[in-house]
Amino acid sequence: MGDNETIIGSTVPQRLPSCFVALDRFLQSPFAVCSSIVRSDKKTEVTSKSSHSLLEMITKILGLKNQSNLIPTITLAELGLDSLMGIEVKQTLERDYEVILSMSEIRSLTVNHLKEISAGNRAAIKETGNTAMQIDILMPFISIPTEVVVYLNDIKQGKPIFLLPPIDGIFDLLTPIAKLLKRPVIGLNWTSDLKDCKTVETAAAYYLNICKNIDSEGNFDVIGYSFGSVIAFEMALQEKVSNLILLDGSPSQLFANIQQYGEKVQAVSENQQQVEALVLLLTQYVSIDYAKTKAELLEINDVDARNVRATEIYLDNKGPRCEPEAIAFAAQAFYQKLKMIHEYRSSKKLDGNVFLIRAEELLLKNVDDSPVTQDYGLSEVITGECTVRTFKGNHKTFLVNNLKPIASVLNEKLC
């Protein structure tokens, strides 16, 4: 079928001499099952669909209006690329440029890389892959947390501060700040105990019980980042807290973010939504063809069989070894969290104050281009005051680039 350039599933036909050599090696190997494939090169041809420049399309996804002021060496990660934006970028590259990259490679793309890809320069893709190798080393393994409590600094004496992570459940961006705080900082993991959790209210109640077991005095100090800000807000609704601190997040902001993403991917049924979450998870770790993988998984109706196939795709694309249960748990947790945020509406106004530490650059903009409120809509859902401190950067870099100033603000507020 076709010629030697025919590409099926990111592979090209294997020549007959190569097949004989591979077969000879197989016969000498101790393994009962072997396979041999020839991976296709990553393509850079531009299709007729790409009527706008790649840089223009990517900056629009990121919500950046002026691309002329961008530093040529700045990466998409530094420009604020998150998981949901990453999927849009990945779809654009695959659809309009036939470029298949892993999420770590996409995060490492620079403005210069985008211009080179637009021009059809194959060397830019190889350079991206080399840069991403360093990022891949930092990518965590997919695993199921066994303990709900994780200590994020070395301080053991004093009243603890409870910290809720973003939607991926990873504390990497928060740990450096936690180590600069003068009180014990305890991170709250999403464990298998929450596998049947359907609502923000249920998750908040679960975490409050954990907090009470650790600190029976109550009046907790709670910090939530991104997705964690919504759980933290609901915790403060259910139990009066001493301090509620939100890091670049609020219920209305996260709801708007997820709603905009949902409208773009058009995942209507629950089955489609679960597959979308599964594919989104895979793209964070390995290089896959988004459209083909999604189509393949949608054809598998049995959830367990779908998770097994997702694990096979993950391992076939050189993902760190893990069990199907871990991928199933991570995908289900991600899907649950998205759905929880989308369905969450606070039952009443919070009787108290909120301290918001936010990024100067917005995580998203309103669809109608109306201005996003400085306090992310928090003043509308509380009876007290919302104090706002803004730091330069985007949803991620404002933490990385302002460790000491943010830690100083937190210590002043909490100590």
Protein backbone atom coordinates (compact mmCIF):
# COMPACT_ATOMS: atom_id res chain seq x y z
CA MET A 1 0.00 0.00 0.00
CA GLY A 2 1.54 3.28 -1.06
CA ASP A 3 5.28 3.77 -1.41
CA ASN A 4 8.23 3.94 0.96
CA GLU A 5 7.07 7.34 2.20
CA THR A 6 3.61 6.16 3.29
CA ILE A 7 3.09 6.99 6.98
CA ILE A 8 0.73 4.94 9.13
CA GLY A 9 0.54 5.56 12.86
CA SER A 10 3.81 7.57 12.79
CA THR A 11 5.65 4.61 11.13
CA VAL A 12 6.95 4.01 7.58
CA PRO A 13 7.31 0.71 5.67
CA GLN A 14 10.29 -1.40 6.74
CA ARG A 15 12.43 -2.55 3.82
CA LEU A 16 12.77 -6.30 3.25
CA PRO A 17 16.52 -6.51 4.08
CA SER A 18 15.80 -4.67 7.34
CA CYS A 19 13.01 -7.15 8.11
CA PHE A 20 15.39 -10.11 7.66
CA VAL A 21 17.99 -8.50 9.93
CA ALA A 22 15.36 -7.82 12.59
CA LEU A 23 14.00 -11.38 12.27
CA ASP A 24 17.49 -12.80 12.71
CA ARG A 25 17.90 -10.82 15.94
CA PHE A 26 14.49 -11.92 17.17
CA LEU A 27 15.36 -15.61 16.67
CA GLN A 28 18.43 -15.15 18.83
CA SER A 29 16.62 -13.28 21.59
CA PRO A 30 15.13 -14.94 24.70
CA PHE A 31 11.84 -13.06 24.37
CA ALA A 32 8.66 -14.77 23.17
CA VAL A 33 7.11 -11.61 21.73
CA CYS A 34 9.07 -9.01 19.75
CA SER A 35 8.25 -6.22 17.32
CA SER A 36 10.12 -3.98 14.92
CA ILE A 37 8.97 -0.65 13.52
CA VAL A 38 10.54 2.26 11.69
CA ARG A 39 9.46 5.62 13.10
CA SER A 40 8.71 8.35 10.59
CA ASP A 41 10.52 11.66 10.71
CA LYS A 42 8.69 14.56 12.29
CA LYS A 43 7.26 16.55 9.41
CA THR A 44 7.27 20.26 8.93
CA GLU A 45 5.28 20.77 5.73
CA VAL A 46 2.70 23.52 5.98
CA THR A 47 -0.80 22.67 4.78
CA SER A 48 -3.19 25.05 3.08
CA LYS A 49 -5.15 25.40 6.30
CA SER A 50 -2.49 27.56 7.95
CA SER A 51 -3.56 30.93 6.56
CA HIS A 52 -2.05 32.72 9.54
CA SER A 53 1.51 32.45 10.80
CA LEU A 54 2.16 29.84 13.47
CA LEU A 55 3.39 32.49 15.89
CA GLU A 56 0.18 34.48 15.41
CA MET A 57 -1.98 31.42 16.10
CA ILE A 58 0.00 30.38 19.18
CA THR A 59 0.04 33.86 20.73
CA LYS A 60 -3.73 34.03 20.23
CA ILE A 61 -4.11 30.76 22.14
CA LEU A 62 -1.94 32.18 24.92
CA GLY A 63 -4.01 35.37 25.00
CA LEU A 64 -1.10 37.61 23.99
CA LYS A 65 -2.08 40.57 21.84
CA ASN A 66 1.34 41.99 20.89
CA GLN A 67 3.72 39.40 19.46
CA SER A 68 6.23 41.97 18.23
CA ASN A 69 7.61 42.55 21.74
CA LEU A 70 8.29 38.87 22.47
CA ILE A 71 11.87 37.87 23.22
CA PRO A 72 13.01 35.41 20.51
CA THR A 73 14.39 32.91 23.03
CA ILE A 74 11.43 32.91 25.41
CA THR A 75 9.67 29.53 25.67
CA LEU A 76 5.96 28.77 25.62
CA ALA A 77 6.27 27.57 29.21
CA GLU A 78 7.62 30.98 30.20
CA LEU A 79 4.74 32.62 28.33
CA GLY A 80 2.24 30.82 30.56
CA LEU A 81 1.37 27.69 28.60
CA ASP A 82 -0.78 25.41 30.77
CA SER A 83 -2.16 21.93 30.12
CA LEU A 84 -5.33 23.10 28.39
CA MET A 85 -3.55 25.63 26.20
CA GLY A 86 -0.96 22.96 25.40
CA ILE A 87 -3.63 20.77 23.83
CA GLU A 88 -4.71 23.62 21.55
CA VAL A 89 -1.10 24.25 20.51
CA LYS A 90 -0.59 20.53 19.89
CA GLN A 91 -3.72 20.35 17.72
CA THR A 92 -2.57 23.39 15.72
CA LEU A 93 0.87 21.89 15.07
CA GLU A 94 -0.57 18.52 14.03
CA ARG A 95 -3.42 19.89 11.93
CA ASP A 96 -1.68 22.71 10.08
CA TYR A 97 1.99 21.69 10.12
CA GLU A 98 1.91 17.89 10.55
CA VAL A 99 4.29 18.23 13.49
CA ILE A 100 3.89 15.73 16.32
CA LEU A 101 5.60 16.77 19.56
CA SER A 102 5.33 15.73 23.18
CA MET A 103 4.00 18.23 25.69
CA SER A 104 7.49 18.76 27.13
CA GLU A 105 8.76 19.55 23.62
CA ILE A 106 5.88 21.97 23.12
CA ARG A 107 6.65 23.67 26.44
CA SER A 108 10.26 24.15 25.31
CA LEU A 109 9.32 25.75 21.96
CA THR A 110 10.64 29.30 21.65
CA VAL A 111 9.44 32.19 19.51
CA ASN A 112 12.36 31.46 17.18
CA HIS A 113 11.31 27.79 16.94
CA LEU A 114 7.80 28.80 15.90
CA LYS A 115 9.14 31.03 13.14
CA GLU A 116 11.45 28.26 11.91
CA ILE A 117 8.63 25.70 11.88
CA SER A 118 6.48 28.13 9.88
CA ALA A 119 9.32 28.33 7.36
CA GLY A 120 9.55 24.52 7.16
CA ASN A 121 12.94 24.26 8.89
CA ARG A 122 13.33 20.64 10.06
CA ALA A 123 16.35 21.51 12.22
CA ALA A 124 14.12 23.53 14.55
CA ILE A 125 12.18 20.37 15.43
CA LYS A 126 15.37 18.46 16.27
CA GLU A 127 16.61 21.35 18.42
CA THR A 128 13.30 21.36 20.27
CA GLY A 129 13.65 17.65 20.98
CA ASN A 130 17.13 18.13 22.41
CA THR A 131 15.96 20.93 24.69
CA ALA A 132 12.96 18.94 25.85
CA MET A 133 15.15 16.03 26.95
CA GLN A 134 16.30 18.18 29.87
CA ILE A 135 12.68 18.99 30.76
CA ASP A 136 11.61 15.34 30.55
CA ILE A 137 14.03 14.49 33.34
CA LEU A 138 11.98 16.71 35.63
CA MET A 139 8.63 15.18 34.63
CA PRO A 140 7.16 13.17 37.53
CA PHE A 141 6.17 9.54 37.16
CA ILE A 142 2.47 8.77 37.00
CA SER A 143 1.70 7.30 40.39
CA ILE A 144 -1.09 7.03 42.94
CA PRO A 145 -0.25 9.00 46.13
CA THR A 146 -0.44 6.68 49.12
CA GLU A 147 -0.51 9.38 51.82
CA VAL A 148 -2.88 12.33 51.90
CA VAL A 149 -0.39 14.38 53.94
CA VAL A 150 3.02 15.47 52.66
CA TYR A 151 5.36 17.78 54.61
CA LEU A 152 6.78 20.46 52.32
CA ASN A 153 9.42 21.95 54.62
CA ASP A 154 11.60 20.84 57.53
CA ILE A 155 9.79 22.77 60.27
CA LYS A 156 7.87 20.48 62.62
CA GLN A 157 7.03 22.79 65.54
CA GLY A 158 4.20 25.31 65.40
CA LYS A 159 0.72 25.59 63.95
CA PRO A 160 0.68 24.09 60.44
CA ILE A 161 -0.26 25.82 57.21
CA PHE A 162 -2.33 23.64 54.87
CA LEU A 163 -1.59 23.86 51.16
CA LEU A 164 -3.74 22.60 48.25
CA PRO A 165 -2.01 22.01 44.87
CA PRO A 166 -3.11 22.70 41.27
CA ILE A 167 -5.14 20.25 39.20
CA ASP A 168 -2.18 17.96 38.45
CA GLY A 169 -1.74 17.37 42.19
CA ILE A 170 1.98 18.19 42.01
CA PHE A 171 3.69 20.49 44.52
CA ASP A 172 6.81 21.24 42.43
CA LEU A 173 6.04 24.96 42.02
CA LEU A 174 4.94 25.33 45.64
CA THR A 175 7.66 23.46 47.53
CA PRO A 176 10.38 26.16 47.05
CA ILE A 177 8.04 28.74 48.61
CA ALA A 178 7.02 26.36 51.40
CA LYS A 179 10.68 25.93 52.35
CA LEU A 180 10.95 29.70 52.91
CA LEU A 181 7.99 29.88 55.30
CA LYS A 182 8.55 30.00 59.07
CA ARG A 183 5.86 27.49 60.02
CA PRO A 184 5.20 23.85 59.12
CA VAL A 185 3.63 23.55 55.67
CA ILE A 186 1.53 20.47 54.94
CA GLY A 187 0.44 19.61 51.41
CA LEU A 188 -2.85 17.75 50.93
CA ASN A 189 -2.72 15.02 48.26
CA TRP A 190 -5.52 13.64 46.10
CA THR A 191 -5.41 9.94 47.03
CA SER A 192 -7.48 6.87 46.16
CA ASP A 193 -9.74 7.77 49.11
CA LEU A 194 -11.16 10.46 46.82
CA LYS A 195 -11.69 8.23 43.77
CA ASP A 196 -15.48 8.40 44.22
CA CYS A 197 -15.54 12.11 45.08
CA LYS A 198 -17.97 13.96 42.79
CA THR A 199 -18.19 17.48 44.22
CA VAL A 200 -16.00 20.28 45.54
CA GLU A 201 -18.06 20.20 48.74
CA THR A 202 -17.23 16.54 49.38
CA ALA A 203 -13.52 17.06 48.73
CA ALA A 204 -13.46 20.10 51.04
CA ALA A 205 -15.17 18.16 53.84
CA TYR A 206 -12.68 15.31 53.44
CA TYR A 207 -9.69 17.64 53.69
CA LEU A 208 -11.19 19.46 56.68
CA ASN A 209 -11.36 16.15 58.57
CA ILE A 210 -7.70 15.55 57.74
CA CYS A 211 -6.82 19.04 59.01
CA LYS A 212 -8.75 18.46 62.26
CA ASN A 213 -6.87 15.21 62.88
CA ILE A 214 -3.59 17.11 62.58
CA ASP A 215 -4.60 20.36 64.30
CA SER A 216 -7.52 19.89 66.70
CA GLU A 217 -7.58 23.60 67.63
CA GLY A 218 -9.17 24.60 64.31
CA ASN A 219 -8.91 28.13 62.89
CA PHE A 220 -6.76 26.79 60.08
CA ASP A 221 -4.56 28.77 57.74
CA VAL A 222 -5.29 27.48 54.23
CA ILE A 223 -3.51 28.27 50.96
CA GLY A 224 -4.82 27.09 47.58
CA TYR A 225 -3.13 27.40 44.20
CA SER A 226 -5.15 27.34 40.95
CA PHE A 227 -7.55 24.35 41.25
CA GLY A 228 -6.61 24.17 44.92
CA SER A 229 -7.98 27.69 45.42
CA VAL A 230 -11.52 26.42 44.78
CA ILE A 231 -11.19 23.59 47.31
CA ALA A 232 -9.65 26.02 49.81
CA PHE A 233 -12.52 28.48 49.30
CA GLU A 234 -15.13 25.78 49.98
CA MET A 235 -13.20 24.63 53.07
CA ALA A 236 -13.45 28.18 54.40
CA LEU A 237 -17.20 28.14 53.71
CA GLN A 238 -17.69 24.93 55.68
CA GLU A 239 -15.37 25.78 58.58
CA LYS A 240 -14.25 29.23 59.69
CA VAL A 241 -10.55 29.65 58.97
CA SER A 242 -8.03 32.08 60.36
CA ASN A 243 -6.55 32.97 56.97
CA LEU A 244 -7.63 32.05 53.44
CA ILE A 245 -4.93 32.75 50.87
CA LEU A 246 -5.50 32.05 47.18
CA LEU A 247 -2.66 31.88 44.66
CA ASP A 248 -3.82 33.02 41.21
CA GLY A 249 -7.18 31.35 41.44
CA SER A 250 -10.83 31.73 42.39
CA PRO A 251 -14.04 29.74 41.77
CA SER A 252 -15.27 32.02 38.97
CA GLN A 253 -11.87 32.20 37.29
CA LEU A 254 -11.37 28.42 37.20
CA PHE A 255 -14.97 27.90 36.04
CA ALA A 256 -14.47 30.29 33.12
CA ASN A 257 -11.19 28.62 32.17
CA ILE A 258 -12.72 25.15 32.04
CA GLN A 259 -15.85 26.35 30.25
CA GLN A 260 -13.82 28.00 27.50
CA TYR A 261 -11.75 24.84 27.05
CA GLY A 262 -14.88 22.67 26.95
CA GLU A 263 -16.38 24.81 24.20
CA LYS A 264 -13.25 24.42 22.10
CA VAL A 265 -12.93 20.62 22.35
CA GLN A 266 -16.72 20.09 22.10
CA ALA A 267 -16.75 17.03 24.33
CA VAL A 268 -20.48 16.65 24.90
CA SER A 269 -21.06 13.16 26.31
CA GLU A 270 -19.47 11.83 29.48
CA ASN A 271 -17.64 9.23 27.39
CA GLN A 272 -16.12 11.97 25.21
CA GLN A 273 -15.14 13.98 28.27
CA GLN A 274 -13.40 10.99 29.86
CA VAL A 275 -11.47 10.28 26.67
CA GLU A 276 -10.51 13.96 26.42
CA ALA A 277 -9.11 13.80 29.95
CA LEU A 278 -7.24 10.59 29.16
CA VAL A 279 -5.65 12.01 26.01
CA LEU A 280 -4.79 15.24 27.79
CA LEU A 281 -3.02 13.22 30.48
CA LEU A 282 -1.04 11.23 27.90
CA THR A 283 0.11 14.38 26.12
CA GLN A 284 1.71 15.63 29.33
CA TYR A 285 4.16 12.72 29.29
CA VAL A 286 4.66 11.31 25.79
CA SER A 287 4.60 12.40 22.15
CA ILE A 288 1.37 11.18 20.55
CA ASP A 289 -0.85 12.15 17.64
CA TYR A 290 -3.68 13.86 19.51
CA ALA A 291 -6.41 13.36 16.90
CA LYS A 292 -5.57 9.71 16.11
CA THR A 293 -5.19 8.74 19.77
CA LYS A 294 -8.47 10.39 20.68
CA ALA A 295 -10.29 8.68 17.79
CA GLU A 296 -8.85 5.28 18.74
CA LEU A 297 -9.80 5.58 22.42
CA LEU A 298 -13.31 6.79 21.55
CA GLU A 299 -13.90 3.50 19.72
CA ILE A 300 -13.28 1.55 22.95
CA ASN A 301 -16.48 1.61 25.00
CA ASP A 302 -15.26 -0.47 27.95
CA VAL A 303 -13.54 1.87 30.43
CA ASP A 304 -11.07 -0.74 31.73
CA ALA A 305 -10.10 -1.80 28.21
CA ARG A 306 -9.67 1.85 27.26
CA ASN A 307 -7.35 2.44 30.21
CA VAL A 308 -5.29 -0.63 29.29
CA ARG A 309 -4.94 0.66 25.73
CA ALA A 310 -3.97 4.11 27.01
CA THR A 311 -1.25 2.50 29.11
CA GLU A 312 0.02 0.62 26.06
CA ILE A 313 0.14 3.87 24.07
CA TYR A 314 1.97 5.53 26.95
CA LEU A 315 4.59 2.75 27.21
CA ASP A 316 4.96 2.37 23.43
CA ASN A 317 5.91 6.04 23.28
CA LYS A 318 8.65 5.63 25.91
CA GLY A 319 6.74 6.86 28.93
CA PRO A 320 8.24 5.93 32.34
CA ARG A 321 6.97 2.48 33.34
CA CYS A 322 3.75 2.50 35.32
CA GLU A 323 0.71 0.34 35.92
CA PRO A 324 -2.61 0.73 34.05
CA GLU A 325 -4.22 1.47 37.43
CA ALA A 326 -2.00 4.54 37.85
CA ILE A 327 -2.93 5.98 34.45
CA ALA A 328 -6.59 5.17 35.05
CA PHE A 329 -6.48 6.89 38.45
CA ALA A 330 -4.66 9.98 37.14
CA ALA A 331 -7.02 10.35 34.18
CA GLN A 332 -10.13 9.81 36.29
CA ALA A 333 -8.89 12.28 38.93
CA PHE A 334 -8.22 14.88 36.25
CA TYR A 335 -11.67 14.35 34.72
CA GLN A 336 -13.35 14.47 38.14
CA LYS A 337 -11.64 17.73 39.03
CA LEU A 338 -12.62 19.39 35.76
CA LYS A 339 -16.22 18.31 36.21
CA MET A 340 -16.29 19.36 39.87
CA ILE A 341 -15.10 22.88 39.04
CA HIS A 342 -17.56 23.18 36.16
CA GLU A 343 -20.50 22.20 38.38
CA TYR A 344 -19.43 24.09 41.52
CA ARG A 345 -21.51 27.01 42.78
CA SER A 346 -20.87 28.33 46.29
CA SER A 347 -23.95 27.87 48.47
CA LYS A 348 -23.55 31.23 50.19
CA LYS A 349 -21.17 34.14 50.58
CA LEU A 350 -18.01 33.54 52.57
CA ASP A 351 -18.25 35.33 55.91
CA GLY A 352 -14.70 36.61 56.08
CA ASN A 353 -11.74 38.02 54.20
CA VAL A 354 -9.65 36.62 51.36
CA PHE A 355 -6.03 37.37 50.50
CA LEU A 356 -5.35 36.92 46.77
CA ILE A 357 -1.81 36.71 45.40
CA ARG A 358 -2.11 36.78 41.63
CA ALA A 359 -0.04 36.93 38.47
CA GLU A 360 0.16 40.15 36.50
CA GLU A 361 -0.63 38.26 33.28
CA LEU A 362 -4.11 36.76 33.13
CA LEU A 363 -4.67 33.01 32.97
CA LEU A 364 -7.50 33.71 30.52
CA LYS A 365 -9.46 36.59 29.07
CA ASN A 366 -13.23 36.92 28.87
CA VAL A 367 -14.71 35.69 25.60
CA ASP A 368 -16.30 39.09 24.93
CA ASP A 369 -12.99 40.89 25.68
CA SER A 370 -14.53 42.54 28.75
CA PRO A 371 -11.96 43.21 31.49
CA VAL A 372 -11.33 40.54 34.11
CA THR A 373 -11.79 42.00 37.59
CA GLN A 374 -8.63 42.63 39.59
CA ASP A 375 -9.80 40.29 42.36
CA TYR A 376 -11.03 37.50 40.04
CA GLY A 377 -14.61 38.09 41.16
CA LEU A 378 -13.91 37.25 44.81
CA SER A 379 -15.48 40.44 46.22
CA GLU A 380 -18.85 39.22 44.88
CA VAL A 381 -18.76 35.99 46.91
CA ILE A 382 -17.45 37.22 50.28
CA THR A 383 -18.81 39.57 52.96
CA GLY A 384 -15.40 40.83 54.02
CA GLU A 385 -12.48 42.37 52.15
CA CYS A 386 -10.41 40.91 49.33
CA THR A 387 -6.81 42.08 49.51
CA VAL A 388 -4.89 41.65 46.25
CA ARG A 389 -1.13 41.50 45.72
CA THR A 390 0.10 41.25 42.14
CA PHE A 391 3.48 39.90 41.00
CA LYS A 392 5.04 39.97 37.55
CA GLY A 393 4.71 36.83 35.48
CA ASN A 394 2.07 34.40 34.32
CA HIS A 395 0.15 31.63 36.06
CA LYS A 396 3.36 29.66 36.66
CA THR A 397 6.30 32.04 36.37
CA PHE A 398 4.95 34.48 38.96
CA LEU A 399 5.73 31.80 41.56
CA VAL A 400 9.09 30.75 40.13
CA ASN A 401 10.43 34.27 39.61
CA ASN A 402 9.17 35.80 42.87
CA LEU A 403 9.98 33.15 45.47
CA LYS A 404 11.40 35.43 48.15
CA PRO A 405 8.93 38.33 47.72
CA ILE A 406 5.92 35.98 47.85
CA ALA A 407 7.37 34.06 50.80
CA SER A 408 7.97 37.37 52.57
CA VAL A 409 4.34 38.41 52.02
CA LEU A 410 3.11 35.04 53.32
CA ASN A 411 5.36 35.15 56.37
CA GLU A 412 4.15 38.67 57.15
CA LYS A 413 0.55 37.52 56.83
CA LEU A 414 0.84 34.22 58.71
CA CYS A 415 3.66 34.65 61.23
